[in-house]
Protein backbone atom coordinates (compact mmCIF):
# COMPACT_ATOMS: atom_id res chain seq x y z
CA MET A 1 -25.86 -23.76 19.42
CA SER A 2 -22.47 -23.17 17.75
CA LEU A 3 -24.15 -22.76 14.32
CA ILE A 4 -26.38 -20.02 15.78
CA LEU A 5 -23.36 -18.34 17.38
CA ILE A 6 -21.42 -18.46 14.09
CA THR A 7 -24.42 -16.99 12.24
CA ILE A 8 -24.82 -14.19 14.79
CA LEU A 9 -21.11 -13.36 14.62
CA ALA A 10 -21.10 -13.40 10.83
CA VAL A 11 -24.13 -11.13 10.60
CA GLY A 12 -22.81 -8.89 13.37
CA LEU A 13 -19.38 -8.54 11.82
CA GLY A 14 -20.83 -8.01 8.38
CA GLY A 15 -23.07 -5.27 9.72
CA ALA A 16 -20.21 -3.65 11.63
CA ALA A 17 -17.97 -3.72 8.59
CA GLY A 18 -20.72 -2.19 6.47
CA ALA A 19 -21.28 0.57 9.02
CA ALA A 20 -17.55 1.29 9.31
CA ARG A 21 -17.31 1.48 5.53
CA ALA A 22 -19.90 4.21 5.17
CA ASP A 23 -17.33 6.68 3.83
CA LEU A 24 -13.58 7.09 4.15
CA ALA A 25 -14.17 10.76 4.92
CA ASP A 26 -15.78 9.62 8.19
CA GLU A 27 -12.70 7.67 9.33
CA GLN A 28 -11.37 10.24 11.80
CA ASP A 29 -8.10 8.49 12.67
CA ILE A 30 -7.19 7.92 9.03
CA ASN A 31 -8.05 11.50 8.10
CA SER A 32 -6.09 12.88 11.07
CA GLY A 33 -3.10 10.92 9.79
CA LEU A 34 -3.57 12.25 6.28
CA LEU A 35 -3.77 15.77 7.72
CA ALA A 36 -0.48 15.27 9.58
CA ILE A 37 1.19 14.12 6.35
CA SER A 38 -0.28 17.09 4.47
CA VAL A 39 0.94 19.58 7.09
CA ALA A 40 4.44 18.11 7.13
CA ASP A 41 4.59 18.05 3.33
CA LYS A 42 3.68 21.74 3.04
CA ILE A 43 6.22 22.68 5.71
CA ARG A 44 9.06 20.78 4.04
CA ARG A 45 8.18 22.26 0.62
CA GLU A 46 8.04 25.86 1.87
CA CYS A 47 10.79 25.91 4.49
CA SER A 48 14.30 25.61 3.09
CA GLN A 49 15.66 24.82 6.57
CA ILE A 50 13.53 21.70 7.00
CA SER A 51 13.40 18.52 4.96
CA GLY A 52 11.11 15.54 5.03
CA ARG A 53 11.66 12.10 6.47
CA PHE A 54 10.32 10.42 3.37
CA LEU A 55 10.71 6.83 4.52
CA THR A 56 8.92 7.60 7.78
CA GLY A 57 6.11 9.36 5.93
CA ARG A 58 5.79 6.59 3.37
CA ALA A 59 5.70 3.91 6.08
CA TYR A 60 2.99 5.84 7.92
CA ALA A 61 0.96 6.31 4.73
CA THR A 62 1.22 2.55 4.17
CA GLN A 63 -0.11 1.99 7.71
CA LEU A 64 -3.07 4.28 6.99
CA LYS A 65 -3.81 2.40 3.78
CA SER A 66 -3.60 -0.89 5.66
CA MET A 67 -6.05 0.41 8.28
CA ALA A 68 -8.50 1.37 5.53
CA SER A 69 -8.07 -2.03 3.88
CA GLN A 70 -8.69 -3.80 7.18
CA ARG A 71 -11.93 -1.85 7.50
CA GLY A 72 -13.09 -3.20 4.15
CA TYR A 73 -12.14 -0.44 1.73
CA SER A 74 -10.79 -1.65 -1.61
CA ASP A 75 -7.54 -0.35 -3.10
CA GLU A 76 -9.62 1.41 -5.75
CA GLU A 77 -11.79 3.13 -3.12
CA ILE A 78 -8.71 4.25 -1.21
CA GLU A 79 -6.94 5.59 -4.31
CA THR A 80 -10.09 7.37 -5.47
CA TYR A 81 -10.54 8.98 -2.07
CA VAL A 82 -6.93 10.12 -1.77
CA ASN A 83 -6.82 11.50 -5.34
CA ASP A 84 -10.26 13.17 -5.40
CA SER A 85 -10.01 16.88 -6.28
CA ALA A 86 -12.74 17.97 -3.89
CA GLY A 87 -11.20 15.87 -1.12
CA LYS A 88 -7.79 17.44 -1.74
CA ALA A 89 -9.35 20.90 -1.52
CA LYS A 90 -11.00 20.01 1.82
CA MET A 91 -7.68 18.66 3.12
CA ARG A 92 -5.93 21.91 2.12
CA GLU A 93 -8.62 23.85 4.02
CA ARG A 94 -8.09 21.67 7.10
CA ARG A 95 -4.31 22.01 6.74
CA ASN A 96 -4.51 25.80 6.45
CA ALA A 97 -6.87 25.94 9.44
CA TYR A 98 -4.31 23.93 11.41
CA PHE A 99 -1.60 26.42 10.42
CA LYS A 100 -3.81 29.33 11.50
CA SER A 101 -4.55 27.64 14.85
CA LYS A 102 -0.80 27.45 15.45
CA GLY A 103 -0.12 31.06 14.43
CA ALA A 104 1.30 30.17 11.01
CA SER A 105 0.17 30.78 7.44
CA ASN A 106 0.43 28.64 4.35
CA LEU A 107 1.58 31.81 2.57
CA ASP A 108 4.41 32.64 5.01
CA ALA A 109 7.48 30.40 4.82
CA ALA A 110 9.01 31.85 8.01
CA SER A 111 5.92 30.97 10.05
CA LEU A 112 5.91 27.47 8.57
CA CYS A 113 9.58 27.06 9.51
CA ARG A 114 8.79 28.09 13.09
CA LEU A 115 5.89 25.67 13.20
CA GLY A 116 7.99 22.89 11.72
CA ARG A 117 10.73 23.39 14.32
CA ASP A 118 8.08 23.39 17.08
CA GLU A 119 6.55 20.17 15.75
CA ILE A 120 10.00 18.53 15.64
CA LYS A 121 10.88 19.78 19.13
CA ASN A 122 7.55 18.56 20.53
CA ARG A 123 8.02 15.15 18.88
CA SER A 124 4.53 15.33 17.42
CA LEU A 125 3.33 13.07 14.64
CA ILE A 126 3.86 15.93 12.19
CA GLY A 127 7.36 16.47 13.60
CA SER A 128 8.19 12.79 13.05
CA PHE A 129 7.92 13.40 9.30
CA LEU A 130 10.35 16.37 9.40
CA LYS A 131 14.00 17.06 10.18
CA VAL A 132 16.09 20.21 10.37
CA LYS A 133 18.68 20.37 7.61
């Protein structure tokens, strides 16, 4: 009985891991986290009144990488995904769409400053990566 149970669990977990590993692009929580980091990074680069909380951002990025690793992605798969040119372009599109949805523009530093201050004030995930100088 216990051998059958172990076999069922092993096959079930193996199948679940394989399904979860279909593609890092399908990992919504990880990609939402990467988007938050991307938004905060653009704000801190464009707005001279706001700086980044680098240790907080780095710790969060490490958590995202750990989540991906726990789901069966190798370090090489993770690095390839994060550094892929087409993936970076898609992330910029998502980031710019987020700015637009909040009434800001990636081409307008003043609007990014306003958005950054709002994110900090609202204690959002994005705001947790930023601080007013």
